[in-house]
Amino acid sequence: GQIQASLRLSLGMRAIVAYDDADYCGETDSMSSTGNKAVCTGRVPFSFDLELGYGIARKIDLIAEFRIGIENDFTSTFTGAGDGPRMFHFSPGARFFFSDAKTMKLFTTAQVVFDFAGYKDAAGNDRGADFGVRNLNGLWLDLDRAYGFYAYVGETATFGRWLLTELELGAGVSARFR
């Protein structure tokens, strides 16, 4: 029955596989007929996550996560003209706690991802929203009943505009209210 609010930062790597060779995914390849790389890899733009949660059971929280980009991503073409979009995801789901040991516990999440970052194609048309799945696995440390810290490893995969996979490491702080 507790309400939870959390803030976290992460560092991550990603791979993007475009469905069409003509789609630019952030890197060029002079050997390609289109000039675009088939698979783009690199660092995920810096962002932070805000999360709201509600404890529906002793070991289960319903969560709603919002990822907000601080750093711009790649632009729609390799010319780099203008600023690329900033991350904006909404990821509802559930967090499951297990292996309680007084103030420490392990957790995992199961989430759906709705990515609303404003990516555009080379013609300047909106690529639309993306969707996928997300999971965080981590170690939670409660310093008090009302607040705690946690570290995690996260995986995200989206499928709409292109096949994107991300792997991230992060840490967060959480406060709980009755």
N, C-alpha and C. Protein backbone atom coordinates (compact mmCIF):
# COMPACT_ATOMS: atom_id res chain seq x y z
N GLY A 1 0.79 -1.20 0.00
CA GLY A 1 0.00 0.00 0.00
C GLY A 1 0.83 1.27 0.00
N GLN A 2 2.12 1.18 -0.27
CA GLN A 2 2.96 2.38 -0.28
C GLN A 2 3.07 2.95 -1.69
N ILE A 3 3.20 4.28 -1.75
CA ILE A 3 3.49 4.97 -3.00
C ILE A 3 4.98 5.20 -3.03
N GLN A 4 5.59 5.02 -4.20
CA GLN A 4 7.03 5.13 -4.34
C GLN A 4 7.37 6.10 -5.45
N ALA A 5 8.41 6.92 -5.26
CA ALA A 5 8.94 7.79 -6.30
C ALA A 5 10.44 7.56 -6.38
N SER A 6 10.95 7.52 -7.59
CA SER A 6 12.35 7.17 -7.79
C SER A 6 12.97 8.03 -8.88
N LEU A 7 14.26 8.29 -8.75
CA LEU A 7 15.05 8.99 -9.76
C LEU A 7 16.29 8.17 -10.01
N ARG A 8 16.64 7.96 -11.29
CA ARG A 8 17.84 7.17 -11.57
C ARG A 8 18.56 7.69 -12.81
N LEU A 9 19.86 7.39 -12.84
CA LEU A 9 20.73 7.71 -13.97
C LEU A 9 21.38 6.43 -14.44
N SER A 10 21.69 6.38 -15.74
CA SER A 10 22.31 5.16 -16.27
C SER A 10 23.27 5.48 -17.40
N LEU A 11 24.14 4.54 -17.69
CA LEU A 11 25.02 4.57 -18.84
C LEU A 11 24.72 3.33 -19.66
N GLY A 12 24.68 3.47 -20.97
CA GLY A 12 24.32 2.30 -21.75
C GLY A 12 24.92 2.27 -23.14
N MET A 13 24.83 1.10 -23.72
CA MET A 13 25.25 0.85 -25.10
C MET A 13 24.03 0.35 -25.87
N ARG A 14 24.03 0.57 -27.19
CA ARG A 14 22.90 0.12 -27.98
C ARG A 14 23.36 -0.34 -29.36
N ALA A 15 22.47 -1.09 -29.99
CA ALA A 15 22.63 -1.49 -31.39
C ALA A 15 21.30 -1.25 -32.08
N ILE A 16 21.36 -0.65 -33.26
CA ILE A 16 20.17 -0.38 -34.06
C ILE A 16 20.34 -1.07 -35.40
N VAL A 17 19.34 -1.87 -35.77
CA VAL A 17 19.32 -2.52 -37.08
C VAL A 17 18.12 -1.95 -37.83
N ALA A 18 18.41 -1.19 -38.89
CA ALA A 18 17.33 -0.58 -39.69
C ALA A 18 16.66 -1.66 -40.54
N TYR A 19 15.36 -1.56 -40.71
CA TYR A 19 14.63 -2.51 -41.54
C TYR A 19 14.87 -2.26 -43.02
N ASP A 20 15.21 -1.03 -43.38
CA ASP A 20 15.45 -0.65 -44.77
C ASP A 20 16.86 -0.06 -44.87
N ASP A 21 17.62 -0.48 -45.88
CA ASP A 21 18.99 0.01 -46.05
C ASP A 21 19.06 1.52 -46.22
N ALA A 22 17.99 2.13 -46.70
CA ALA A 22 17.97 3.58 -46.92
C ALA A 22 17.80 4.35 -45.62
N ASP A 23 17.42 3.68 -44.53
CA ASP A 23 17.22 4.36 -43.25
C ASP A 23 18.56 4.60 -42.55
N TYR A 24 18.76 5.83 -42.14
CA TYR A 24 19.97 6.24 -41.43
C TYR A 24 19.78 5.96 -39.95
N CYS A 25 20.71 5.23 -39.34
CA CYS A 25 20.59 4.89 -37.91
C CYS A 25 21.71 5.51 -37.07
N GLY A 26 22.37 6.52 -37.61
CA GLY A 26 23.35 7.25 -36.82
C GLY A 26 24.79 7.09 -37.27
N GLU A 27 25.06 6.18 -38.22
CA GLU A 27 26.43 5.97 -38.70
C GLU A 27 26.42 5.74 -40.21
N THR A 28 27.53 6.10 -40.86
CA THR A 28 27.66 5.90 -42.30
C THR A 28 28.63 4.77 -42.60
N ASP A 29 28.53 4.25 -43.84
CA ASP A 29 29.41 3.19 -44.32
C ASP A 29 29.66 3.44 -45.80
N SER A 30 30.87 3.82 -46.16
CA SER A 30 31.19 4.14 -47.55
C SER A 30 31.10 2.91 -48.46
N MET A 31 31.13 1.72 -47.90
CA MET A 31 31.05 0.49 -48.68
C MET A 31 29.59 0.12 -49.02
N SER A 32 28.64 0.75 -48.35
CA SER A 32 27.22 0.46 -48.56
C SER A 32 26.71 1.25 -49.77
N SER A 33 25.74 0.69 -50.49
CA SER A 33 25.18 1.37 -51.66
C SER A 33 24.41 2.63 -51.27
N THR A 34 23.85 2.67 -50.06
CA THR A 34 23.08 3.84 -49.60
C THR A 34 23.94 4.81 -48.80
N GLY A 35 25.11 4.37 -48.38
CA GLY A 35 25.97 5.20 -47.54
C GLY A 35 25.67 5.06 -46.06
N ASN A 36 24.65 4.28 -45.73
CA ASN A 36 24.26 4.08 -44.34
C ASN A 36 24.74 2.73 -43.84
N LYS A 37 25.12 2.69 -42.57
CA LYS A 37 25.50 1.42 -41.97
C LYS A 37 24.27 0.55 -41.76
N ALA A 38 24.44 -0.76 -41.90
CA ALA A 38 23.33 -1.69 -41.69
C ALA A 38 23.03 -1.87 -40.21
N VAL A 39 24.08 -1.85 -39.38
CA VAL A 39 23.94 -1.97 -37.93
C VAL A 39 24.75 -0.85 -37.29
N CYS A 40 24.08 -0.03 -36.51
CA CYS A 40 24.74 1.08 -35.83
C CYS A 40 24.88 0.73 -34.35
N THR A 41 26.07 0.90 -33.82
CA THR A 41 26.30 0.64 -32.40
C THR A 41 26.89 1.88 -31.75
N GLY A 42 26.68 2.01 -30.47
CA GLY A 42 27.25 3.16 -29.77
C GLY A 42 26.62 3.36 -28.40
N ARG A 43 26.93 4.49 -27.85
CA ARG A 43 26.44 4.86 -26.53
C ARG A 43 25.01 5.40 -26.62
N VAL A 44 24.21 5.08 -25.63
CA VAL A 44 22.85 5.63 -25.53
C VAL A 44 22.98 7.08 -25.06
N PRO A 45 22.26 8.03 -25.67
CA PRO A 45 22.31 9.42 -25.20
C PRO A 45 21.95 9.51 -23.71
N PHE A 46 22.62 10.42 -23.01
CA PHE A 46 22.42 10.57 -21.58
C PHE A 46 20.99 11.05 -21.29
N SER A 47 20.38 10.41 -20.31
CA SER A 47 19.02 10.74 -19.91
C SER A 47 18.84 10.37 -18.44
N PHE A 48 17.72 10.72 -17.88
CA PHE A 48 17.39 10.27 -16.52
C PHE A 48 15.98 9.70 -16.52
N ASP A 49 15.72 8.87 -15.54
CA ASP A 49 14.43 8.21 -15.42
C ASP A 49 13.73 8.68 -14.15
N LEU A 50 12.46 8.96 -14.28
CA LEU A 50 11.58 9.22 -13.15
C LEU A 50 10.61 8.05 -13.08
N GLU A 51 10.37 7.56 -11.88
CA GLU A 51 9.49 6.41 -11.75
C GLU A 51 8.52 6.63 -10.61
N LEU A 52 7.27 6.28 -10.85
CA LEU A 52 6.25 6.26 -9.82
C LEU A 52 5.81 4.82 -9.63
N GLY A 53 5.55 4.43 -8.40
CA GLY A 53 5.16 3.06 -8.16
C GLY A 53 4.13 2.97 -7.03
N TYR A 54 3.47 1.83 -6.99
CA TYR A 54 2.50 1.55 -5.93
C TYR A 54 2.62 0.09 -5.55
N GLY A 55 2.83 -0.17 -4.27
CA GLY A 55 2.96 -1.53 -3.78
C GLY A 55 1.61 -2.22 -3.69
N ILE A 56 1.36 -3.17 -4.61
CA ILE A 56 0.07 -3.88 -4.57
C ILE A 56 0.15 -5.12 -3.69
N ALA A 57 1.37 -5.56 -3.39
CA ALA A 57 1.61 -6.70 -2.49
C ALA A 57 2.96 -6.47 -1.83
N ARG A 58 3.27 -7.28 -0.83
CA ARG A 58 4.53 -7.10 -0.10
C ARG A 58 5.75 -7.14 -1.03
N LYS A 59 5.70 -7.92 -2.08
CA LYS A 59 6.86 -8.07 -2.96
C LYS A 59 6.60 -7.68 -4.42
N ILE A 60 5.49 -6.95 -4.66
CA ILE A 60 5.16 -6.55 -6.03
C ILE A 60 4.75 -5.08 -6.05
N ASP A 61 5.41 -4.31 -6.93
CA ASP A 61 5.04 -2.91 -7.17
C ASP A 61 4.58 -2.75 -8.60
N LEU A 62 3.50 -2.01 -8.81
CA LEU A 62 3.15 -1.54 -10.15
C LEU A 62 3.95 -0.27 -10.38
N ILE A 63 4.57 -0.13 -11.56
CA ILE A 63 5.44 1.01 -11.81
C ILE A 63 5.09 1.69 -13.13
N ALA A 64 5.40 2.98 -13.19
CA ALA A 64 5.30 3.77 -14.42
C ALA A 64 6.59 4.58 -14.50
N GLU A 65 7.39 4.29 -15.51
CA GLU A 65 8.70 4.94 -15.67
C GLU A 65 8.65 5.92 -16.84
N PHE A 66 9.27 7.08 -16.65
CA PHE A 66 9.39 8.09 -17.69
C PHE A 66 10.88 8.35 -17.92
N ARG A 67 11.37 8.11 -19.13
CA ARG A 67 12.77 8.41 -19.48
C ARG A 67 12.77 9.73 -20.23
N ILE A 68 13.58 10.66 -19.73
CA ILE A 68 13.65 12.00 -20.31
C ILE A 68 15.09 12.28 -20.73
N GLY A 69 15.28 12.56 -21.99
CA GLY A 69 16.62 12.78 -22.54
C GLY A 69 17.19 14.13 -22.16
N ILE A 70 18.45 14.12 -21.81
CA ILE A 70 19.20 15.35 -21.54
C ILE A 70 20.04 15.70 -22.76
N GLU A 71 20.56 14.69 -23.42
CA GLU A 71 21.44 14.84 -24.57
C GLU A 71 20.67 14.50 -25.85
N ASN A 72 20.93 15.23 -26.92
CA ASN A 72 20.30 14.93 -28.21
C ASN A 72 20.87 13.66 -28.81
N ASP A 73 20.03 12.96 -29.58
CA ASP A 73 20.45 11.77 -30.32
C ASP A 73 20.84 12.19 -31.73
N PHE A 74 21.11 11.21 -32.60
CA PHE A 74 21.53 11.52 -33.96
C PHE A 74 20.39 12.16 -34.75
N THR A 75 20.78 12.94 -35.77
CA THR A 75 19.81 13.62 -36.62
C THR A 75 19.29 12.65 -37.69
N SER A 76 18.39 13.12 -38.54
CA SER A 76 17.75 12.24 -39.52
C SER A 76 18.65 11.88 -40.70
N THR A 77 19.72 12.63 -40.93
CA THR A 77 20.66 12.31 -42.01
C THR A 77 22.08 12.47 -41.51
N PHE A 78 23.02 11.91 -42.25
CA PHE A 78 24.42 11.96 -41.83
C PHE A 78 25.03 13.35 -41.94
N THR A 79 24.33 14.31 -42.53
CA THR A 79 24.86 15.67 -42.61
C THR A 79 24.93 16.31 -41.23
N GLY A 80 24.09 15.82 -40.30
CA GLY A 80 24.12 16.32 -38.92
C GLY A 80 23.50 17.69 -38.77
N ALA A 81 22.80 18.18 -39.79
CA ALA A 81 22.18 19.49 -39.70
C ALA A 81 21.06 19.47 -38.67
N GLY A 82 21.08 20.40 -37.75
CA GLY A 82 20.06 20.49 -36.72
C GLY A 82 20.32 19.54 -35.56
N ASP A 83 19.48 19.62 -34.58
CA ASP A 83 19.61 18.76 -33.41
C ASP A 83 18.71 17.54 -33.56
N GLY A 84 19.21 16.40 -33.13
CA GLY A 84 18.40 15.19 -33.12
C GLY A 84 17.43 15.21 -31.96
N PRO A 85 16.55 14.22 -31.91
CA PRO A 85 15.55 14.18 -30.83
C PRO A 85 16.17 13.81 -29.49
N ARG A 86 15.44 14.07 -28.45
CA ARG A 86 15.81 13.65 -27.10
C ARG A 86 14.95 12.45 -26.74
N MET A 87 15.51 11.57 -25.92
CA MET A 87 14.78 10.38 -25.49
C MET A 87 13.51 10.79 -24.76
N PHE A 88 12.44 10.07 -25.01
CA PHE A 88 11.23 10.19 -24.20
C PHE A 88 10.49 8.86 -24.29
N HIS A 89 10.56 8.09 -23.22
CA HIS A 89 9.91 6.78 -23.14
C HIS A 89 8.91 6.80 -22.00
N PHE A 90 7.88 6.02 -22.15
CA PHE A 90 6.96 5.70 -21.06
C PHE A 90 6.95 4.19 -20.96
N SER A 91 7.24 3.67 -19.76
CA SER A 91 7.36 2.22 -19.57
C SER A 91 6.58 1.75 -18.35
N PRO A 92 5.33 1.38 -18.50
CA PRO A 92 4.58 0.82 -17.38
C PRO A 92 4.95 -0.65 -17.19
N GLY A 93 4.75 -1.15 -15.98
CA GLY A 93 5.04 -2.56 -15.72
C GLY A 93 4.95 -2.89 -14.24
N ALA A 94 5.71 -3.90 -13.85
CA ALA A 94 5.71 -4.36 -12.45
C ALA A 94 7.14 -4.69 -12.02
N ARG A 95 7.41 -4.47 -10.74
CA ARG A 95 8.70 -4.84 -10.14
C ARG A 95 8.43 -5.94 -9.12
N PHE A 96 9.26 -6.98 -9.15
CA PHE A 96 9.13 -8.11 -8.24
C PHE A 96 10.37 -8.20 -7.37
N PHE A 97 10.17 -8.22 -6.06
CA PHE A 97 11.27 -8.34 -5.11
C PHE A 97 11.39 -9.78 -4.65
N PHE A 98 12.62 -10.23 -4.39
CA PHE A 98 12.86 -11.57 -3.86
C PHE A 98 14.19 -11.58 -3.13
N SER A 99 14.45 -12.64 -2.39
CA SER A 99 15.68 -12.82 -1.61
C SER A 99 15.90 -11.69 -0.60
N ASP A 100 14.86 -11.41 0.21
CA ASP A 100 14.99 -10.40 1.26
C ASP A 100 16.03 -10.81 2.29
N ALA A 101 16.91 -9.88 2.64
CA ALA A 101 17.89 -10.08 3.70
C ALA A 101 17.97 -8.80 4.51
N LYS A 102 17.04 -8.61 5.41
CA LYS A 102 16.89 -7.41 6.23
C LYS A 102 16.76 -6.16 5.38
N THR A 103 17.86 -5.47 5.10
CA THR A 103 17.78 -4.21 4.35
C THR A 103 18.11 -4.36 2.86
N MET A 104 18.51 -5.54 2.44
CA MET A 104 18.86 -5.76 1.02
C MET A 104 17.91 -6.76 0.38
N LYS A 105 17.64 -6.53 -0.90
CA LYS A 105 16.82 -7.48 -1.65
C LYS A 105 17.14 -7.36 -3.14
N LEU A 106 16.88 -8.41 -3.85
CA LEU A 106 17.03 -8.43 -5.30
C LEU A 106 15.69 -8.09 -5.94
N PHE A 107 15.74 -7.55 -7.16
CA PHE A 107 14.49 -7.26 -7.86
C PHE A 107 14.66 -7.48 -9.36
N THR A 108 13.54 -7.65 -10.02
CA THR A 108 13.47 -7.70 -11.47
C THR A 108 12.18 -7.00 -11.89
N THR A 109 12.17 -6.47 -13.11
CA THR A 109 10.96 -5.82 -13.61
C THR A 109 10.52 -6.47 -14.91
N ALA A 110 9.28 -6.29 -15.22
CA ALA A 110 8.70 -6.65 -16.52
C ALA A 110 7.93 -5.42 -16.98
N GLN A 111 8.38 -4.82 -18.09
CA GLN A 111 7.79 -3.57 -18.54
C GLN A 111 7.54 -3.59 -20.05
N VAL A 112 6.57 -2.77 -20.47
CA VAL A 112 6.33 -2.49 -21.87
C VAL A 112 6.90 -1.09 -22.12
N VAL A 113 7.50 -0.86 -23.30
CA VAL A 113 8.09 0.44 -23.61
C VAL A 113 7.32 1.09 -24.75
N PHE A 114 6.99 2.36 -24.56
CA PHE A 114 6.42 3.20 -25.61
C PHE A 114 7.40 4.36 -25.79
N ASP A 115 8.07 4.39 -26.94
CA ASP A 115 9.12 5.38 -27.22
C ASP A 115 8.53 6.48 -28.10
N PHE A 116 8.50 7.69 -27.56
CA PHE A 116 7.92 8.83 -28.27
C PHE A 116 8.97 9.83 -28.73
N ALA A 117 10.26 9.44 -28.77
CA ALA A 117 11.31 10.33 -29.26
C ALA A 117 10.98 10.72 -30.70
N GLY A 118 11.23 11.94 -31.06
CA GLY A 118 10.81 12.46 -32.36
C GLY A 118 11.79 12.21 -33.49
N TYR A 119 12.10 10.95 -33.78
CA TYR A 119 12.99 10.64 -34.90
C TYR A 119 12.31 10.97 -36.22
N LYS A 120 13.10 11.44 -37.18
CA LYS A 120 12.58 11.76 -38.51
C LYS A 120 13.38 10.98 -39.55
N ASP A 121 12.76 10.76 -40.71
CA ASP A 121 13.50 10.12 -41.80
C ASP A 121 14.23 11.20 -42.60
N ALA A 122 14.94 10.80 -43.66
CA ALA A 122 15.75 11.75 -44.44
C ALA A 122 14.91 12.85 -45.08
N ALA A 123 13.63 12.57 -45.35
CA ALA A 123 12.73 13.57 -45.94
C ALA A 123 12.14 14.51 -44.89
N GLY A 124 12.43 14.26 -43.62
CA GLY A 124 11.90 15.10 -42.55
C GLY A 124 10.57 14.64 -42.00
N ASN A 125 10.09 13.46 -42.45
CA ASN A 125 8.82 12.91 -41.95
C ASN A 125 9.03 12.22 -40.61
N ASP A 126 8.03 12.32 -39.75
CA ASP A 126 8.10 11.69 -38.43
C ASP A 126 8.09 10.17 -38.57
N ARG A 127 8.97 9.49 -37.87
CA ARG A 127 9.02 8.03 -37.91
C ARG A 127 7.98 7.39 -36.99
N GLY A 128 7.28 8.19 -36.21
CA GLY A 128 6.24 7.66 -35.33
C GLY A 128 6.80 7.10 -34.03
N ALA A 129 5.91 6.56 -33.24
CA ALA A 129 6.28 5.99 -31.95
C ALA A 129 6.83 4.58 -32.14
N ASP A 130 7.60 4.13 -31.16
CA ASP A 130 8.16 2.78 -31.17
C ASP A 130 7.61 2.05 -29.95
N PHE A 131 7.71 0.75 -29.93
CA PHE A 131 7.22 -0.04 -28.81
C PHE A 131 8.14 -1.23 -28.61
N GLY A 132 8.11 -1.79 -27.40
CA GLY A 132 8.96 -2.94 -27.11
C GLY A 132 8.81 -3.39 -25.67
N VAL A 133 9.87 -4.02 -25.17
CA VAL A 133 9.88 -4.56 -23.81
C VAL A 133 11.13 -4.08 -23.09
N ARG A 134 11.07 -4.12 -21.74
CA ARG A 134 12.17 -3.64 -20.91
C ARG A 134 12.23 -4.48 -19.65
N ASN A 135 13.44 -4.66 -19.14
CA ASN A 135 13.65 -5.40 -17.91
C ASN A 135 14.81 -4.78 -17.15
N LEU A 136 14.66 -4.64 -15.84
CA LEU A 136 15.75 -4.22 -14.96
C LEU A 136 15.95 -5.32 -13.93
N ASN A 137 17.20 -5.65 -13.63
CA ASN A 137 17.54 -6.61 -12.58
C ASN A 137 18.53 -5.91 -11.66
N GLY A 138 18.28 -5.95 -10.36
CA GLY A 138 19.19 -5.20 -9.51
C GLY A 138 19.16 -5.59 -8.05
N LEU A 139 19.95 -4.83 -7.31
CA LEU A 139 20.11 -4.98 -5.86
C LEU A 139 19.60 -3.71 -5.20
N TRP A 140 18.66 -3.87 -4.26
CA TRP A 140 18.01 -2.76 -3.57
C TRP A 140 18.51 -2.73 -2.13
N LEU A 141 18.87 -1.55 -1.64
CA LEU A 141 19.33 -1.36 -0.27
C LEU A 141 18.45 -0.33 0.41
N ASP A 142 17.67 -0.77 1.41
CA ASP A 142 16.82 0.14 2.17
C ASP A 142 17.61 0.70 3.34
N LEU A 143 17.82 2.01 3.36
CA LEU A 143 18.48 2.66 4.48
C LEU A 143 17.49 2.93 5.61
N ASP A 144 16.24 3.02 5.23
CA ASP A 144 15.14 3.26 6.16
C ASP A 144 13.88 2.74 5.47
N ARG A 145 12.81 2.62 6.22
CA ARG A 145 11.56 2.17 5.61
C ARG A 145 11.07 3.13 4.53
N ALA A 146 11.46 4.40 4.63
CA ALA A 146 10.97 5.43 3.72
C ALA A 146 11.88 5.71 2.53
N TYR A 147 13.14 5.27 2.53
CA TYR A 147 14.01 5.56 1.40
C TYR A 147 15.10 4.50 1.24
N GLY A 148 15.63 4.45 0.03
CA GLY A 148 16.67 3.48 -0.27
C GLY A 148 17.39 3.80 -1.57
N PHE A 149 18.40 3.00 -1.85
CA PHE A 149 19.20 3.13 -3.07
C PHE A 149 19.19 1.79 -3.80
N TYR A 150 19.48 1.82 -5.06
CA TYR A 150 19.57 0.57 -5.80
C TYR A 150 20.52 0.71 -6.99
N ALA A 151 21.06 -0.41 -7.41
CA ALA A 151 21.89 -0.50 -8.62
C ALA A 151 21.27 -1.57 -9.49
N TYR A 152 21.41 -1.42 -10.81
CA TYR A 152 20.74 -2.35 -11.70
C TYR A 152 21.47 -2.51 -13.03
N VAL A 153 21.11 -3.55 -13.73
CA VAL A 153 21.46 -3.79 -15.13
C VAL A 153 20.13 -3.86 -15.86
N GLY A 154 20.01 -3.17 -16.97
CA GLY A 154 18.75 -3.15 -17.70
C GLY A 154 18.91 -3.52 -19.16
N GLU A 155 17.86 -4.11 -19.71
CA GLU A 155 17.82 -4.47 -21.12
C GLU A 155 16.53 -3.92 -21.72
N THR A 156 16.64 -3.36 -22.91
CA THR A 156 15.47 -2.85 -23.61
C THR A 156 15.55 -3.31 -25.06
N ALA A 157 14.42 -3.67 -25.63
CA ALA A 157 14.33 -4.01 -27.06
C ALA A 157 13.06 -3.39 -27.60
N THR A 158 13.19 -2.63 -28.70
CA THR A 158 12.02 -2.06 -29.38
C THR A 158 12.01 -2.53 -30.83
N PHE A 159 10.82 -2.52 -31.45
CA PHE A 159 10.64 -3.19 -32.73
C PHE A 159 9.94 -2.36 -33.80
N GLY A 160 9.42 -1.20 -33.50
CA GLY A 160 8.59 -0.45 -34.45
C GLY A 160 9.34 0.20 -35.59
N ARG A 161 10.15 1.22 -35.30
CA ARG A 161 10.84 1.95 -36.36
C ARG A 161 12.03 1.18 -36.89
N TRP A 162 12.69 0.44 -36.01
CA TRP A 162 13.85 -0.39 -36.32
C TRP A 162 14.02 -1.34 -35.17
N LEU A 163 14.89 -2.30 -35.28
CA LEU A 163 15.18 -3.21 -34.17
C LEU A 163 16.27 -2.56 -33.35
N LEU A 164 15.95 -2.21 -32.13
CA LEU A 164 16.88 -1.54 -31.23
C LEU A 164 17.05 -2.39 -29.98
N THR A 165 18.29 -2.60 -29.56
CA THR A 165 18.56 -3.27 -28.29
C THR A 165 19.50 -2.39 -27.49
N GLU A 166 19.22 -2.28 -26.20
CA GLU A 166 20.06 -1.48 -25.30
C GLU A 166 20.43 -2.30 -24.08
N LEU A 167 21.62 -2.08 -23.59
CA LEU A 167 22.09 -2.65 -22.34
C LEU A 167 22.62 -1.50 -21.50
N GLU A 168 22.13 -1.39 -20.27
CA GLU A 168 22.53 -0.26 -19.42
C GLU A 168 22.87 -0.69 -18.01
N LEU A 169 23.70 0.11 -17.37
CA LEU A 169 24.02 -0.01 -15.94
C LEU A 169 23.59 1.29 -15.30
N GLY A 170 23.02 1.20 -14.10
CA GLY A 170 22.57 2.44 -13.49
C GLY A 170 22.39 2.32 -11.99
N ALA A 171 22.06 3.46 -11.40
CA ALA A 171 21.80 3.55 -9.97
C ALA A 171 20.66 4.52 -9.75
N GLY A 172 19.93 4.31 -8.66
CA GLY A 172 18.80 5.17 -8.37
C GLY A 172 18.59 5.36 -6.90
N VAL A 173 17.76 6.32 -6.57
CA VAL A 173 17.34 6.61 -5.21
C VAL A 173 15.82 6.58 -5.20
N SER A 174 15.26 6.05 -4.12
CA SER A 174 13.81 5.88 -4.05
C SER A 174 13.29 6.35 -2.70
N ALA A 175 12.11 6.96 -2.74
CA ALA A 175 11.42 7.36 -1.52
C ALA A 175 10.03 6.73 -1.53
N ARG A 176 9.57 6.30 -0.35
CA ARG A 176 8.25 5.68 -0.23
C ARG A 176 7.40 6.45 0.78
N PHE A 177 6.12 6.51 0.48
CA PHE A 177 5.17 7.25 1.31
C PHE A 177 3.94 6.38 1.56
N ARG A 178 3.34 6.53 2.70
CA ARG A 178 2.09 5.82 3.00
C ARG A 178 0.92 6.70 2.80
